Amino acid sequence: MLTADQLAAISALRDKALPGPWGVIRLDIEEGVTSFLIADSNDDRVASVDIAHEGDAEALAGAEADAHFIAEARTVVDLLLTEVDELRAQLARTPTPRRHAWSDRLRPRSRTES
């Protein structure tokens, strides 16, 4: 389970980043070289994933998948932090069930019950 400090650190990272949502813009720079720009909602560059794939379709697809993961993470981190906060608040409001000791489960026998 994440500690409160770990959640605060993740929140701080999120708060330092440009607001989302982010998207991906593909730019074919030259033959065999592609750049995937991660851009904010104003199409301003946030980051990029560049690859010299030299026609390797698998390498190009991997770089594109990485770029989309980075872009989507901006929104997903918000959703996950909200979910964790809501679940922890719900858990805090849930009463803890009483634990029964073994002695609570045993009833004394009367001398007539044998």
Protein backbone atom coordinates (compact mmCIF):
# COMPACT_ATOMS: atom_id res chain seq x y z
CA MET A 1 0.00 0.00 0.00
CA LEU A 2 1.26 3.49 -0.80
CA THR A 3 2.10 5.65 2.17
CA ALA A 4 0.72 9.16 2.62
CA ASP A 5 4.20 10.51 1.80
CA GLN A 6 4.37 8.50 -1.43
CA LEU A 7 0.94 9.77 -2.50
CA ALA A 8 1.98 13.33 -1.66
CA ALA A 9 5.12 12.92 -3.79
CA ILE A 10 3.07 11.63 -6.73
CA SER A 11 0.65 14.54 -6.32
CA ALA A 12 3.56 17.00 -6.25
CA LEU A 13 4.96 15.56 -9.49
CA ARG A 14 1.54 15.85 -11.09
CA ASP A 15 1.10 19.41 -9.88
CA LYS A 16 4.44 20.48 -11.41
CA ALA A 17 3.49 19.15 -14.85
CA LEU A 18 1.57 21.13 -17.43
CA PRO A 19 -2.19 20.60 -17.20
CA GLY A 20 -3.76 17.92 -19.38
CA PRO A 21 -5.09 16.50 -21.46
CA TRP A 22 -2.06 15.76 -23.58
CA GLY A 23 -1.99 14.32 -27.05
CA VAL A 24 0.52 12.97 -29.56
CA ILE A 25 1.53 14.57 -32.86
CA ARG A 26 3.55 12.47 -35.30
CA LEU A 27 6.27 14.17 -37.34
CA ASP A 28 8.22 12.24 -39.95
CA ILE A 29 11.50 14.17 -39.85
CA GLU A 30 13.22 12.33 -42.68
CA GLU A 31 13.35 8.83 -44.08
CA GLY A 32 13.67 6.46 -41.12
CA VAL A 33 13.46 9.17 -38.44
CA THR A 34 10.20 9.99 -36.66
CA SER A 35 9.37 12.23 -33.74
CA PHE A 36 6.26 11.84 -31.63
CA LEU A 37 5.56 15.13 -29.90
CA ILE A 38 3.61 15.01 -26.66
CA ALA A 39 1.61 18.23 -26.67
CA ASP A 40 -0.79 19.97 -24.31
CA SER A 41 -4.29 21.08 -25.30
CA ASN A 42 -2.81 24.17 -27.01
CA ASP A 43 -0.56 21.93 -29.15
CA ASP A 44 2.46 23.26 -27.26
CA ARG A 45 5.23 20.71 -26.95
CA VAL A 46 5.55 19.05 -23.56
CA ALA A 47 8.06 16.34 -24.52
CA SER A 48 8.94 14.11 -27.43
CA VAL A 49 9.83 10.54 -28.24
CA ASP A 50 12.23 10.44 -31.15
CA ILE A 51 13.31 7.32 -32.98
CA ALA A 52 15.68 6.50 -35.80
CA HIS A 53 13.76 3.40 -36.87
CA GLU A 54 15.27 3.00 -40.34
CA GLY A 55 12.12 1.31 -41.57
CA ASP A 56 11.77 -1.05 -38.56
CA ALA A 57 7.99 -1.10 -38.13
CA GLU A 58 8.21 -2.75 -34.69
CA ALA A 59 10.57 -0.08 -33.36
CA LEU A 60 8.35 2.66 -34.78
CA ALA A 61 5.22 1.13 -33.22
CA GLY A 62 7.01 0.82 -29.86
CA ALA A 63 8.05 4.46 -29.89
CA GLU A 64 4.51 5.53 -30.80
CA ALA A 65 3.08 3.39 -27.99
CA ASP A 66 5.55 4.97 -25.53
CA ALA A 67 4.49 8.46 -26.62
CA HIS A 68 0.80 7.65 -26.19
CA PHE A 69 1.50 6.12 -22.76
CA ILE A 70 3.27 9.29 -21.62
CA ALA A 71 0.48 11.50 -22.96
CA GLU A 72 -2.31 9.42 -21.40
CA ALA A 73 -0.47 9.14 -18.08
CA ARG A 74 -1.08 12.86 -17.49
CA THR A 75 -4.82 12.24 -17.23
CA VAL A 76 -4.62 8.73 -15.76
CA VAL A 77 -2.52 9.89 -12.78
CA ASP A 78 -5.27 12.41 -11.91
CA LEU A 79 -7.91 9.67 -12.07
CA LEU A 80 -5.88 7.23 -9.98
CA LEU A 81 -5.07 9.77 -7.27
CA THR A 82 -8.74 10.74 -7.05
CA GLU A 83 -9.74 7.08 -6.82
CA VAL A 84 -7.21 6.39 -4.05
CA ASP A 85 -8.41 9.44 -2.09
CA GLU A 86 -12.06 8.38 -2.43
CA LEU A 87 -11.40 4.76 -1.48
CA ARG A 88 -9.34 5.76 1.55
CA ALA A 89 -12.06 8.17 2.68
CA GLN A 90 -14.65 5.44 2.26
CA LEU A 91 -12.48 2.99 4.20
CA ALA A 92 -12.05 5.53 7.01
CA ARG A 93 -15.86 5.82 7.31
CA THR A 94 -16.36 2.04 7.40
CA PRO A 95 -16.62 0.64 10.91
CA THR A 96 -14.09 -2.03 11.78
CA PRO A 97 -15.80 -5.36 12.38
CA ARG A 98 -15.49 -6.66 15.92
CA ARG A 99 -13.16 -9.59 16.16
CA HIS A 100 -14.39 -12.41 18.29
CA ALA A 101 -12.03 -14.23 20.57
CA TRP A 102 -12.21 -18.00 20.69
CA SER A 103 -13.62 -17.73 24.17
CA ASP A 104 -16.61 -15.77 22.75
CA ARG A 105 -17.46 -18.74 20.55
CA LEU A 106 -17.41 -21.30 23.30
CA ARG A 107 -20.42 -21.48 25.50
CA PRO A 108 -20.17 -23.07 28.89
CA ARG A 109 -21.76 -26.44 29.16
CA SER A 110 -24.13 -27.19 31.93
CA ARG A 111 -23.51 -30.33 33.93
CA THR A 112 -26.66 -31.87 32.46
CA GLU A 113 -25.22 -31.62 28.89
CA SER A 114 -22.73 -34.43 28.54
